[in-house]
Amino acid sequence: VRQSGGIGRYVREMVHALADVDQINQYSLFYASKYKAARGMLTLPDNFRIRHLPVHDIWLARI
């Protein structure tokens, strides 16, 4: 989530909280940002995978 505040901050905090309490289940996080820096915004444990989808942000929000 590229927004630095609001929904972006909320999502990042929720993901970090989930990572803190669950190291067993596997999670895949998808992002549509064309900026490579978006991938580095989250440092997560090995049970999280970050995947880029080559679509516009609006289309990712719709699915």
PDB file of N, CA and C in Angstrom:
ATOM      1  N   VAL A   1       0.855  -1.168   0.000  1.00  0.00           N
ATOM      2  CA  VAL A   1       0.000   0.000   0.000  1.00  0.00           C
ATOM      3  C   VAL A   1       0.893   1.220   0.000  1.00  0.00           C
ATOM      4  N   ARG A   2       0.826   1.988  -1.068  1.00  0.00           N
ATOM      5  CA  ARG A   2       1.778   3.094  -1.219  1.00  0.00           C
ATOM      6  C   ARG A   2       1.389   4.349  -0.453  1.00  0.00           C
ATOM      7  N   GLN A   3       0.151   4.466  -0.026  1.00  0.00           N
ATOM      8  CA  GLN A   3      -0.248   5.634   0.746  1.00  0.00           C
ATOM      9  C   GLN A   3       0.497   5.627   2.078  1.00  0.00           C
ATOM     10  N   SER A   4       0.998   6.794   2.468  1.00  0.00           N
ATOM     11  CA  SER A   4       1.778   6.849   3.704  1.00  0.00           C
ATOM     12  C   SER A   4       0.902   6.989   4.948  1.00  0.00           C
ATOM     13  N   GLY A   5      -0.338   7.361   4.778  1.00  0.00           N
ATOM     14  CA  GLY A   5      -1.245   7.512   5.915  1.00  0.00           C
ATOM     15  C   GLY A   5      -2.592   6.906   5.579  1.00  0.00           C
ATOM     16  N   GLY A   6      -3.525   7.028   6.479  1.00  0.00           N
ATOM     17  CA  GLY A   6      -4.878   6.540   6.222  1.00  0.00           C
ATOM     18  C   GLY A   6      -4.920   5.037   6.014  1.00  0.00           C
ATOM     19  N   ILE A   7      -5.541   4.617   4.917  1.00  0.00           N
ATOM     20  CA  ILE A   7      -5.718   3.190   4.648  1.00  0.00           C
ATOM     21  C   ILE A   7      -4.385   2.485   4.470  1.00  0.00           C
ATOM     22  N   GLY A   8      -3.392   3.168   3.905  1.00  0.00           N
ATOM     23  CA  GLY A   8      -2.073   2.566   3.733  1.00  0.00           C
ATOM     24  C   GLY A   8      -1.430   2.213   5.060  1.00  0.00           C
ATOM     25  N   ARG A   9      -1.465   3.131   5.968  1.00  0.00           N
ATOM     26  CA  ARG A   9      -0.900   2.883   7.304  1.00  0.00           C
ATOM     27  C   ARG A   9      -1.684   1.781   8.014  1.00  0.00           C
ATOM     28  N   TYR A  10      -2.989   1.825   7.908  1.00  0.00           N
ATOM     29  CA  TYR A  10      -3.836   0.814   8.550  1.00  0.00           C
ATOM     30  C   TYR A  10      -3.467  -0.592   8.061  1.00  0.00           C
ATOM     31  N   VAL A  11      -3.357  -0.749   6.747  1.00  0.00           N
ATOM     32  CA  VAL A  11      -3.038  -2.063   6.181  1.00  0.00           C
ATOM     33  C   VAL A  11      -1.657  -2.526   6.628  1.00  0.00           C
ATOM     34  N   ARG A  12      -0.668  -1.640   6.579  1.00  0.00           N
ATOM     35  CA  ARG A  12       0.684  -2.021   7.010  1.00  0.00           C
ATOM     36  C   ARG A  12       0.702  -2.447   8.476  1.00  0.00           C
ATOM     37  N   GLU A  13       0.020  -1.710   9.327  1.00  0.00           N
ATOM     38  CA  GLU A  13      -0.014  -2.060  10.751  1.00  0.00           C
ATOM     39  C   GLU A  13      -0.735  -3.390  10.985  1.00  0.00           C
ATOM     40  N   MET A  14      -1.816  -3.635  10.256  1.00  0.00           N
ATOM     41  CA  MET A  14      -2.538  -4.904  10.388  1.00  0.00           C
ATOM     42  C   MET A  14      -1.671  -6.079   9.941  1.00  0.00           C
ATOM     43  N   VAL A  15      -0.941  -5.906   8.857  1.00  0.00           N
ATOM     44  CA  VAL A  15      -0.067  -6.975   8.366  1.00  0.00           C
ATOM     45  C   VAL A  15       1.037  -7.260   9.374  1.00  0.00           C
ATOM     46  N   HIS A  16       1.644  -6.217   9.924  1.00  0.00           N
ATOM     47  CA  HIS A  16       2.695  -6.417  10.930  1.00  0.00           C
ATOM     48  C   HIS A  16       2.135  -7.087  12.186  1.00  0.00           C
ATOM     49  N   ALA A  17       0.942  -6.721  12.600  1.00  0.00           N
ATOM     50  CA  ALA A  17       0.323  -7.348  13.770  1.00  0.00           C
ATOM     51  C   ALA A  17       0.048  -8.825  13.500  1.00  0.00           C
ATOM     52  N   LEU A  18      -0.430  -9.138  12.318  1.00  0.00           N
ATOM     53  CA  LEU A  18      -0.672 -10.531  11.952  1.00  0.00           C
ATOM     54  C   LEU A  18       0.633 -11.318  11.949  1.00  0.00           C
ATOM     55  N   ALA A  19       1.688 -10.720  11.432  1.00  0.00           N
ATOM     56  CA  ALA A  19       3.000 -11.384  11.415  1.00  0.00           C
ATOM     57  C   ALA A  19       3.501 -11.650  12.828  1.00  0.00           C
ATOM     58  N   ASP A  20       3.183 -10.771  13.752  1.00  0.00           N
ATOM     59  CA  ASP A  20       3.619 -10.946  15.142  1.00  0.00           C
ATOM     60  C   ASP A  20       2.931 -12.119  15.836  1.00  0.00           C
ATOM     61  N   VAL A  21       1.678 -12.369  15.481  1.00  0.00           N
ATOM     62  CA  VAL A  21       0.917 -13.395  16.200  1.00  0.00           C
ATOM     63  C   VAL A  21       0.827 -14.732  15.474  1.00  0.00           C
ATOM     64  N   ASP A  22       1.191 -14.786  14.197  1.00  0.00           N
ATOM     65  CA  ASP A  22       1.036 -16.033  13.438  1.00  0.00           C
ATOM     66  C   ASP A  22       2.265 -16.295  12.578  1.00  0.00           C
ATOM     67  N   GLN A  23       3.072 -17.234  13.007  1.00  0.00           N
ATOM     68  CA  GLN A  23       4.242 -17.629  12.229  1.00  0.00           C
ATOM     69  C   GLN A  23       4.043 -19.001  11.580  1.00  0.00           C
ATOM     70  N   ILE A  24       2.837 -19.552  11.661  1.00  0.00           N
ATOM     71  CA  ILE A  24       2.573 -20.898  11.147  1.00  0.00           C
ATOM     72  C   ILE A  24       1.935 -20.867   9.761  1.00  0.00           C
ATOM     73  N   ASN A  25       0.849 -20.127   9.608  1.00  0.00           N
ATOM     74  CA  ASN A  25       0.135 -20.078   8.334  1.00  0.00           C
ATOM     75  C   ASN A  25       0.940 -19.319   7.289  1.00  0.00           C
ATOM     76  N   GLN A  26       0.655 -19.630   6.024  1.00  0.00           N
ATOM     77  CA  GLN A  26       1.314 -18.971   4.901  1.00  0.00           C
ATOM     78  C   GLN A  26       0.407 -17.861   4.365  1.00  0.00           C
ATOM     79  N   TYR A  27       0.997 -16.706   4.044  1.00  0.00           N
ATOM     80  CA  TYR A  27       0.248 -15.562   3.530  1.00  0.00           C
ATOM     81  C   TYR A  27       0.896 -15.047   2.258  1.00  0.00           C
ATOM     82  N   SER A  28       0.078 -14.643   1.305  1.00  0.00           N
ATOM     83  CA  SER A  28       0.552 -13.987   0.089  1.00  0.00           C
ATOM     84  C   SER A  28      -0.058 -12.598   0.046  1.00  0.00           C
ATOM     85  N   LEU A  29       0.792 -11.603  -0.096  1.00  0.00           N
ATOM     86  CA  LEU A  29       0.353 -10.212  -0.196  1.00  0.00           C
ATOM     87  C   LEU A  29       0.599  -9.745  -1.620  1.00  0.00           C
ATOM     88  N   PHE A  30      -0.395  -9.110  -2.210  1.00  0.00           N
ATOM     89  CA  PHE A  30      -0.299  -8.658  -3.588  1.00  0.00           C
ATOM     90  C   PHE A  30      -0.285  -7.141  -3.642  1.00  0.00           C
ATOM     91  N   TYR A  31       0.533  -6.601  -4.524  1.00  0.00           N
ATOM     92  CA  TYR A  31       0.557  -5.154  -4.726  1.00  0.00           C
ATOM     93  C   TYR A  31       0.636  -4.860  -6.212  1.00  0.00           C
ATOM     94  N   ALA A  32       0.133  -3.704  -6.599  1.00  0.00           N
ATOM     95  CA  ALA A  32       0.084  -3.335  -8.004  1.00  0.00           C
ATOM     96  C   ALA A  32       0.955  -2.136  -8.324  1.00  0.00           C
ATOM     97  N   SER A  33       1.615  -1.589  -7.348  1.00  0.00           N
ATOM     98  CA  SER A  33       2.413  -0.388  -7.567  1.00  0.00           C
ATOM     99  C   SER A  33       3.536  -0.650  -8.554  1.00  0.00           C
ATOM    100  N   LYS A  34       3.769   0.306  -9.434  1.00  0.00           N
ATOM    101  CA  LYS A  34       4.871   0.165 -10.384  1.00  0.00           C
ATOM    102  C   LYS A  34       6.204   0.554  -9.751  1.00  0.00           C
ATOM    103  N   TYR A  35       6.165   1.052  -8.534  1.00  0.00           N
ATOM    104  CA  TYR A  35       7.377   1.489  -7.852  1.00  0.00           C
ATOM    105  C   TYR A  35       8.002   0.332  -7.090  1.00  0.00           C
ATOM    106  N   LYS A  36       9.249   0.025  -7.396  1.00  0.00           N
ATOM    107  CA  LYS A  36       9.929  -1.091  -6.741  1.00  0.00           C
ATOM    108  C   LYS A  36      10.061  -0.867  -5.241  1.00  0.00           C
ATOM    109  N   ALA A  37      10.063   0.370  -4.812  1.00  0.00           N
ATOM    110  CA  ALA A  37      10.185   0.670  -3.384  1.00  0.00           C
ATOM    111  C   ALA A  37       9.006   0.117  -2.598  1.00  0.00           C
ATOM    112  N   ALA A  38       7.875  -0.080  -3.247  1.00  0.00           N
ATOM    113  CA  ALA A  38       6.690  -0.597  -2.557  1.00  0.00           C
ATOM    114  C   ALA A  38       6.970  -1.967  -1.955  1.00  0.00           C
ATOM    115  N   ARG A  39       7.772  -2.773  -2.625  1.00  0.00           N
ATOM    116  CA  ARG A  39       8.081  -4.112  -2.123  1.00  0.00           C
ATOM    117  C   ARG A  39       8.888  -4.038  -0.835  1.00  0.00           C
ATOM    118  N   GLY A  40       9.744  -3.057  -0.705  1.00  0.00           N
ATOM    119  CA  GLY A  40      10.586  -2.940   0.469  1.00  0.00           C
ATOM    120  C   GLY A  40       9.918  -2.273   1.654  1.00  0.00           C
ATOM    121  N   MET A  41       8.660  -1.883   1.503  1.00  0.00           N
ATOM    122  CA  MET A  41       7.973  -1.199   2.590  1.00  0.00           C
ATOM    123  C   MET A  41       7.678  -2.126   3.756  1.00  0.00           C
ATOM    124  N   LEU A  42       7.616  -3.414   3.492  1.00  0.00           N
ATOM    125  CA  LEU A  42       7.286  -4.376   4.536  1.00  0.00           C
ATOM    126  C   LEU A  42       8.427  -5.375   4.701  1.00  0.00           C
ATOM    127  N   THR A  43       8.943  -5.480   5.892  1.00  0.00           N
ATOM    128  CA  THR A  43       9.896  -6.528   6.214  1.00  0.00           C
ATOM    129  C   THR A  43       9.132  -7.553   7.032  1.00  0.00           C
ATOM    130  N   LEU A  44       8.954  -8.730   6.441  1.00  0.00           N
ATOM    131  CA  LEU A  44       8.075  -9.728   7.041  1.00  0.00           C
ATOM    132  C   LEU A  44       8.783 -11.064   7.206  1.00  0.00           C
ATOM    133  N   PRO A  45       8.248 -11.928   8.076  1.00  0.00           N
ATOM    134  CA  PRO A  45       8.833 -13.259   8.251  1.00  0.00           C
ATOM    135  C   PRO A  45       8.649 -14.133   7.009  1.00  0.00           C
ATOM    136  N   ASP A  46       9.263 -15.297   7.039  1.00  0.00           N
ATOM    137  CA  ASP A  46       9.273 -16.187   5.881  1.00  0.00           C
ATOM    138  C   ASP A  46       7.911 -16.761   5.509  1.00  0.00           C
ATOM    139  N   ASN A  47       6.937 -16.701   6.400  1.00  0.00           N
ATOM    140  CA  ASN A  47       5.620 -17.240   6.054  1.00  0.00           C
ATOM    141  C   ASN A  47       4.764 -16.228   5.281  1.00  0.00           C
ATOM    142  N   PHE A  48       5.346 -15.088   4.930  1.00  0.00           N
ATOM    143  CA  PHE A  48       4.679 -14.086   4.096  1.00  0.00           C
ATOM    144  C   PHE A  48       5.407 -13.989   2.765  1.00  0.00           C
ATOM    145  N   ARG A  49       4.630 -13.969   1.683  1.00  0.00           N
ATOM    146  CA  ARG A  49       5.201 -13.755   0.355  1.00  0.00           C
ATOM    147  C   ARG A  49       4.601 -12.475  -0.209  1.00  0.00           C
ATOM    148  N   ILE A  50       5.437 -11.670  -0.812  1.00  0.00           N
ATOM    149  CA  ILE A  50       4.977 -10.424  -1.429  1.00  0.00           C
ATOM    150  C   ILE A  50       5.055 -10.609  -2.934  1.00  0.00           C
ATOM    151  N   ARG A  51       3.937 -10.394  -3.612  1.00  0.00           N
ATOM    152  CA  ARG A  51       3.843 -10.629  -5.050  1.00  0.00           C
ATOM    153  C   ARG A  51       3.374  -9.372  -5.774  1.00  0.00           C
ATOM    154  N   HIS A  52       4.044  -9.065  -6.858  1.00  0.00           N
ATOM    155  CA  HIS A  52       3.641  -7.932  -7.695  1.00  0.00           C
ATOM    156  C   HIS A  52       2.671  -8.419  -8.765  1.00  0.00           C
ATOM    157  N   LEU A  53       1.584  -7.701  -8.941  1.00  0.00           N
ATOM    158  CA  LEU A  53       0.645  -7.965 -10.026  1.00  0.00           C
ATOM    159  C   LEU A  53       0.763  -6.827 -11.029  1.00  0.00           C
ATOM    160  N   PRO A  54       1.002  -7.132 -12.293  1.00  0.00           N
ATOM    161  CA  PRO A  54       1.181  -6.075 -13.292  1.00  0.00           C
ATOM    162  C   PRO A  54      -0.146  -5.485 -13.766  1.00  0.00           C
ATOM    163  N   VAL A  55      -0.906  -4.951 -12.834  1.00  0.00           N
ATOM    164  CA  VAL A  55      -2.182  -4.312 -13.149  1.00  0.00           C
ATOM    165  C   VAL A  55      -2.213  -2.943 -12.481  1.00  0.00           C
ATOM    166  N   HIS A  56      -3.131  -2.113 -12.911  1.00  0.00           N
ATOM    167  CA  HIS A  56      -3.299  -0.796 -12.304  1.00  0.00           C
ATOM    168  C   HIS A  56      -3.897  -0.957 -10.905  1.00  0.00           C
ATOM    169  N   ASP A  57      -3.577  -0.038 -10.012  1.00  0.00           N
ATOM    170  CA  ASP A  57      -4.084  -0.076  -8.633  1.00  0.00           C
ATOM    171  C   ASP A  57      -5.603  -0.226  -8.570  1.00  0.00           C
ATOM    172  N   ILE A  58      -6.295   0.430  -9.472  1.00  0.00           N
ATOM    173  CA  ILE A  58      -7.764   0.395  -9.467  1.00  0.00           C
ATOM    174  C   ILE A  58      -8.274  -1.024  -9.700  1.00  0.00           C
ATOM    175  N   TRP A  59      -7.645  -1.759 -10.613  1.00  0.00           N
ATOM    176  CA  TRP A  59      -8.083  -3.128 -10.891  1.00  0.00           C
ATOM    177  C   TRP A  59      -7.815  -4.047  -9.714  1.00  0.00           C
ATOM    178  N   LEU A  60      -6.705  -3.855  -9.038  1.00  0.00           N
ATOM    179  CA  LEU A  60      -6.420  -4.676  -7.859  1.00  0.00           C
ATOM    180  C   LEU A  60      -7.444  -4.396  -6.758  1.00  0.00           C
ATOM    181  N   ALA A  61      -7.840  -3.151  -6.601  1.00  0.00           N
ATOM    182  CA  ALA A  61      -8.846  -2.799  -5.595  1.00  0.00           C
ATOM    183  C   ALA A  61     -10.192  -3.454  -5.906  1.00  0.00           C
ATOM    184  N   ARG A  62     -10.467  -3.665  -7.176  1.00  0.00           N
ATOM    185  CA  ARG A  62     -11.744  -4.269  -7.562  1.00  0.00           C
ATOM    186  C   ARG A  62     -11.803  -5.759  -7.273  1.00  0.00           C
ATOM    187  N   ILE A  63     -10.657  -6.408  -7.245  1.00  0.00           N
ATOM    188  CA  ILE A  63     -10.675  -7.853  -6.956  1.00  0.00           C
ATOM    189  C   ILE A  63     -10.373  -8.025  -5.523  1.00  0.00           C
TER     190      ILE A  63
END
